[in-house]
Amino acid sequence: MINQTNFIEITNMLFSIIIGICAFYLSYVALKHSARPRVKLKMLSPKVLHCNEFTTFIFEFSNAGYWYTKPPVINLIVFCNFESCFELFELLYGSNQSIKNNDVKIGKGAMKYLKAKGLKLIYGEEGEEVHVRVKTPKIEGKYKIIVSAYSENGASIKEKFIVTLYK
């Protein structure tokens, strides 16, 4: 009777371990395949700005991924919003900034914006740069720039940058 009880306890423990391993694996697979892509955004330049000058703002988008998966970002659409006192000329993106958009529109909060679309970001590859050519306002002070983006497969980001203009 004692041997039969030990056998049942050992069998029960082995089944519990197997079920635990299977549950962990299924959870990992579900997590990996349901993850939305994650985008990282940096403003690379310029560092010092002066009033009433022509300059180019460079924004770099990259795929940040997760420790457990690195889904691609597909068809990222980017909106570069500037306060209305900026004079926007064009937005350049794509390889070697070969795609140009100079269709300036007024968006939320009466901010002027330019749009880039169709960017693709793969984890481990170089990020995409978006260049915005502008003329800065004539009055010194702090101004905001809001860059937002979303993708076809669920990635989204919104960053607010404050730039200071000097005479």
Protein backbone atom coordinates (compact mmCIF):
# COMPACT_ATOMS: atom_id res chain seq x y z
CA MET A 1 0.00 0.00 0.00
CA ILE A 2 2.86 2.39 0.80
CA ASN A 3 4.53 1.75 -2.59
CA GLN A 4 1.26 2.41 -4.42
CA THR A 5 0.81 5.74 -2.57
CA ASN A 6 4.37 6.82 -3.45
CA PHE A 7 3.78 5.90 -7.10
CA ILE A 8 0.56 7.97 -7.24
CA GLU A 9 2.28 10.97 -5.58
CA ILE A 10 5.26 10.81 -7.97
CA THR A 11 2.95 10.43 -10.99
CA ASN A 12 0.84 13.38 -9.78
CA MET A 13 3.98 15.52 -9.34
CA LEU A 14 5.26 14.65 -12.86
CA PHE A 15 1.90 15.53 -14.42
CA SER A 16 1.88 18.85 -12.53
CA ILE A 17 5.38 19.68 -13.84
CA ILE A 18 4.42 18.76 -17.43
CA ILE A 19 1.21 20.83 -17.24
CA GLY A 20 3.17 23.79 -15.80
CA ILE A 21 5.74 23.63 -18.61
CA CYS A 22 2.98 23.43 -21.25
CA ALA A 23 1.11 26.38 -19.70
CA PHE A 24 4.31 28.46 -19.63
CA TYR A 25 5.07 27.64 -23.27
CA LEU A 26 1.52 28.49 -24.43
CA SER A 27 1.65 31.79 -22.53
CA TYR A 28 4.98 32.67 -24.14
CA VAL A 29 3.72 31.86 -27.65
CA ALA A 30 0.53 33.91 -27.10
CA LEU A 31 2.58 36.84 -25.79
CA LYS A 32 5.05 36.67 -28.67
CA HIS A 33 2.46 36.54 -31.44
CA SER A 34 0.12 39.17 -30.02
CA ALA A 35 2.75 41.86 -29.35
CA ARG A 36 2.34 45.20 -31.07
CA PRO A 37 5.49 46.78 -32.49
CA ARG A 38 7.24 49.47 -30.44
CA VAL A 39 8.74 52.58 -32.05
CA LYS A 40 11.52 54.72 -30.57
CA LEU A 41 11.81 58.37 -31.65
CA LYS A 42 14.77 60.75 -31.26
CA MET A 43 15.26 64.33 -32.45
CA LEU A 44 18.84 64.40 -33.75
CA SER A 45 19.28 68.05 -34.57
CA PRO A 46 19.55 71.01 -34.38
CA LYS A 47 20.95 71.70 -30.91
CA VAL A 48 21.08 75.52 -30.97
CA LEU A 49 18.44 77.49 -32.84
CA HIS A 50 18.36 81.14 -33.80
CA CYS A 51 15.41 83.30 -34.71
CA ASN A 52 14.42 83.84 -38.35
CA GLU A 53 16.83 81.29 -39.86
CA PHE A 54 16.47 78.30 -42.16
CA THR A 55 17.14 74.98 -40.47
CA THR A 56 16.40 71.26 -40.79
CA PHE A 57 14.92 69.20 -37.98
CA ILE A 58 15.91 65.53 -38.14
CA PHE A 59 13.76 62.91 -36.44
CA GLU A 60 14.94 59.30 -36.26
CA PHE A 61 12.46 56.43 -35.95
CA SER A 62 13.62 52.94 -35.03
CA ASN A 63 12.06 49.63 -34.04
CA ALA A 64 12.68 49.08 -30.30
CA GLY A 65 11.27 45.55 -30.08
CA TYR A 66 10.88 43.59 -26.85
CA TRP A 67 13.04 40.96 -25.16
CA TYR A 68 10.66 38.22 -26.26
CA THR A 69 9.87 39.35 -29.83
CA LYS A 70 10.76 41.93 -32.46
CA PRO A 71 7.72 42.51 -34.71
CA PRO A 72 8.25 44.76 -37.77
CA VAL A 73 6.59 48.16 -38.04
CA ILE A 74 4.57 48.19 -41.26
CA ASN A 75 3.45 51.34 -43.11
CA LEU A 76 4.27 53.90 -40.43
CA ILE A 77 2.54 57.25 -40.99
CA VAL A 78 4.31 60.21 -39.38
CA PHE A 79 2.89 63.66 -38.60
CA CYS A 80 5.39 66.44 -37.81
CA ASN A 81 3.44 69.27 -36.14
CA PHE A 82 4.97 72.71 -35.61
CA GLU A 83 3.52 75.83 -34.03
CA SER A 84 1.90 78.12 -36.59
CA CYS A 85 4.70 80.74 -36.35
CA PHE A 86 7.14 78.30 -38.04
CA GLU A 87 7.30 78.45 -41.82
CA LEU A 88 7.36 74.87 -43.13
CA PHE A 89 8.90 74.15 -46.54
CA GLU A 90 9.25 70.40 -47.04
CA LEU A 91 9.54 67.03 -45.40
CA LEU A 92 12.07 64.52 -46.77
CA TYR A 93 12.14 60.79 -46.01
CA GLY A 94 12.92 57.42 -47.57
CA SER A 95 16.32 56.18 -48.59
CA ASN A 96 18.61 59.18 -48.86
CA GLN A 97 15.55 61.37 -48.23
CA SER A 98 14.42 60.81 -51.81
CA ILE A 99 10.70 61.23 -51.09
CA LYS A 100 9.51 64.80 -50.67
CA ASN A 101 6.28 66.24 -49.28
CA ASN A 102 5.67 69.99 -49.28
CA ASP A 103 1.89 69.91 -48.75
CA VAL A 104 1.63 71.92 -45.51
CA LYS A 105 -1.71 71.58 -43.73
CA ILE A 106 -3.26 72.97 -40.56
CA GLY A 107 -4.08 70.36 -37.94
CA LYS A 108 -5.14 70.11 -34.32
CA GLY A 109 -4.42 73.11 -32.15
CA ALA A 110 -3.89 75.24 -35.27
CA MET A 111 -0.46 73.66 -35.70
CA LYS A 112 1.06 73.31 -39.16
CA TYR A 113 2.05 69.79 -40.15
CA LEU A 114 3.70 67.72 -42.83
CA LYS A 115 3.13 64.00 -43.27
CA ALA A 116 5.34 61.05 -44.23
CA LYS A 117 3.81 57.68 -45.00
CA GLY A 118 4.80 54.14 -45.82
CA LEU A 119 7.86 53.81 -43.57
CA LYS A 120 8.89 50.28 -42.60
CA LEU A 121 11.06 49.55 -39.56
CA ILE A 122 12.76 46.23 -38.90
CA TYR A 123 14.46 45.48 -35.57
CA GLY A 124 18.23 45.47 -35.85
CA GLU A 125 18.33 47.56 -39.03
CA GLU A 126 19.10 51.26 -39.28
CA GLY A 127 16.20 53.52 -38.39
CA GLU A 128 14.42 55.86 -40.79
CA GLU A 129 15.18 59.57 -40.74
CA VAL A 130 12.58 62.22 -41.44
CA HIS A 131 13.98 65.68 -42.29
CA VAL A 132 11.78 68.77 -41.98
CA ARG A 133 13.05 72.00 -43.52
CA VAL A 134 11.68 75.10 -41.80
CA LYS A 135 12.24 78.77 -41.17
CA THR A 136 12.17 79.54 -37.45
CA PRO A 137 9.95 82.26 -35.93
CA LYS A 138 11.20 85.85 -35.64
CA ILE A 139 10.59 86.09 -31.88
CA GLU A 140 12.82 84.28 -29.39
CA GLY A 141 11.26 81.94 -26.87
CA LYS A 142 10.19 78.34 -26.33
CA TYR A 143 8.19 76.57 -29.02
CA LYS A 144 6.71 73.11 -29.18
CA ILE A 145 6.98 70.48 -31.86
CA ILE A 146 4.76 67.42 -31.66
CA VAL A 147 5.65 64.32 -33.67
CA SER A 148 3.11 61.51 -33.76
CA ALA A 149 3.06 58.29 -35.73
CA TYR A 150 0.99 55.14 -36.09
CA SER A 151 1.33 51.99 -38.14
CA GLU A 152 -0.88 49.48 -39.89
CA ASN A 153 -0.08 46.78 -37.34
CA GLY A 154 -0.63 48.70 -34.10
CA ALA A 155 2.49 50.73 -33.33
CA SER A 156 1.87 54.26 -32.13
CA ILE A 157 3.95 57.03 -30.59
CA LYS A 158 3.57 60.69 -29.73
CA GLU A 159 6.48 62.84 -28.56
CA LYS A 160 6.50 66.51 -27.65
CA PHE A 161 9.73 68.45 -28.09
CA ILE A 162 10.34 71.96 -26.72
CA VAL A 163 12.87 74.03 -28.66
CA THR A 164 14.31 77.34 -27.52
CA LEU A 165 15.11 80.08 -30.03
CA TYR A 166 17.78 82.70 -29.40
CA LYS A 167 18.47 85.99 -31.17
